[in-house]
Amino acid sequence: PKNKMNLIVCQTSPCNTTISQYSTSSNSTDSPMLIDESNPKIGLNNIFIMPDSRNLTCFFSRSNNIESDEYVPVDSNSTFLFFAYGAGIKFGVF
């Protein structure tokens, strides 16, 4: 979809570790929204997340096509990966 971007967010804090996909528009000032609220990991497979000391390792594979108007193919140059690590993280808040 034109002007759409997907954000893959790998987060960890002392009590929670997760990966999820968000969608936003390149010309929007709104916060990114989950692509699928009932399945935040939609299109992500073979997930491995390992917080270790001060490092966060996040491995996954991503399907290129999912039935969703919000899902952007990997080869579109509009998919970005974000990492967040630490006690001050609010999950799902950017």
Protein backbone atom coordinates (compact mmCIF):
# COMPACT_ATOMS: atom_id res chain seq x y z
CA PRO A 1 0.00 0.00 0.00
CA LYS A 2 1.24 3.45 -0.93
CA ASN A 3 2.78 5.49 1.92
CA LYS A 4 2.40 2.55 4.34
CA MET A 5 5.27 1.44 6.55
CA ASN A 6 5.54 -1.59 8.82
CA LEU A 7 7.50 -1.51 12.05
CA ILE A 8 8.69 -4.74 13.63
CA VAL A 9 9.33 -4.07 17.30
CA CYS A 10 11.38 -6.38 19.49
CA GLN A 11 11.10 -5.30 23.16
CA THR A 12 12.25 -6.55 26.51
CA SER A 13 11.99 -5.34 30.09
CA PRO A 14 12.53 -7.11 33.41
CA CYS A 15 9.05 -8.66 33.27
CA ASN A 16 8.13 -8.98 29.57
CA THR A 17 9.68 -9.82 26.19
CA THR A 18 7.75 -9.59 22.94
CA ILE A 19 7.83 -8.99 19.21
CA SER A 20 5.01 -7.36 17.26
CA GLN A 21 4.23 -5.63 13.97
CA TYR A 22 2.81 -2.15 13.60
CA SER A 23 1.63 -0.13 10.64
CA THR A 24 1.77 3.59 10.02
CA SER A 25 1.69 5.99 7.12
CA SER A 26 4.81 7.86 6.03
CA ASN A 27 2.90 11.14 6.15
CA SER A 28 1.03 10.50 9.42
CA THR A 29 1.68 12.00 12.83
CA ASP A 30 -0.49 9.34 14.51
CA SER A 31 1.09 6.62 16.63
CA PRO A 32 1.68 3.30 14.84
CA MET A 33 -1.10 0.74 15.29
CA LEU A 34 -0.82 -3.04 15.52
CA ILE A 35 -1.43 -4.63 12.13
CA ASP A 36 -3.66 -7.21 13.83
CA GLU A 37 -4.64 -6.60 17.46
CA SER A 38 -5.71 -10.22 17.93
CA ASN A 39 -2.36 -11.47 16.57
CA PRO A 40 0.50 -8.96 17.14
CA LYS A 41 3.00 -11.46 15.65
CA ILE A 42 1.10 -11.79 12.35
CA GLY A 43 3.44 -12.88 9.56
CA LEU A 44 6.37 -13.52 11.92
CA ASN A 45 7.72 -17.06 12.31
CA ASN A 46 10.72 -18.86 13.81
CA ILE A 47 10.89 -16.24 16.57
CA PHE A 48 13.78 -16.29 19.03
CA ILE A 49 14.24 -13.44 21.52
CA MET A 50 17.08 -13.55 24.02
CA PRO A 51 17.78 -10.75 26.49
CA ASP A 52 21.28 -11.24 27.88
CA SER A 53 22.89 -8.77 30.23
CA ARG A 54 22.79 -5.50 28.23
CA ASN A 55 22.09 -7.06 24.82
CA LEU A 56 18.90 -8.06 23.06
CA THR A 57 19.05 -10.69 20.32
CA CYS A 58 15.98 -11.00 18.13
CA PHE A 59 15.72 -13.52 15.27
CA PHE A 60 12.64 -14.13 13.13
CA SER A 61 11.48 -14.78 9.60
CA ARG A 62 8.74 -12.67 8.02
CA SER A 63 6.19 -13.71 5.42
CA ASN A 64 6.19 -11.45 2.39
CA ASN A 65 2.44 -11.42 1.84
CA ILE A 66 -0.37 -11.46 4.39
CA GLU A 67 -4.06 -10.75 3.76
CA SER A 68 -4.17 -7.26 5.24
CA ASP A 69 -4.34 -3.75 3.82
CA GLU A 70 -1.82 -2.71 6.47
CA TYR A 71 0.85 -5.33 5.64
CA VAL A 72 3.76 -4.13 3.50
CA PRO A 73 5.90 -6.63 1.52
CA VAL A 74 9.51 -6.98 2.69
CA ASP A 75 10.95 -5.88 -0.64
CA SER A 76 9.09 -2.54 -0.57
CA ASN A 77 11.82 -0.76 1.45
CA SER A 78 9.10 0.27 3.90
CA THR A 79 9.70 -2.27 6.67
CA PHE A 80 11.75 -1.21 9.68
CA LEU A 81 13.09 -3.01 12.75
CA PHE A 82 13.18 -1.41 16.20
CA PHE A 83 14.74 -2.76 19.39
CA ALA A 84 13.89 -1.60 22.92
CA TYR A 85 15.63 -2.81 26.06
CA GLY A 86 15.31 -1.71 29.67
CA ALA A 87 13.16 -1.08 32.70
CA GLY A 88 11.54 2.12 31.40
CA ILE A 89 9.81 0.53 28.41
CA LYS A 90 6.04 0.77 28.05
CA PHE A 91 4.95 -2.05 25.77
CA GLY A 92 3.05 -0.92 22.71
CA VAL A 93 3.94 2.73 23.32
CA PHE A 94 6.37 4.59 21.11
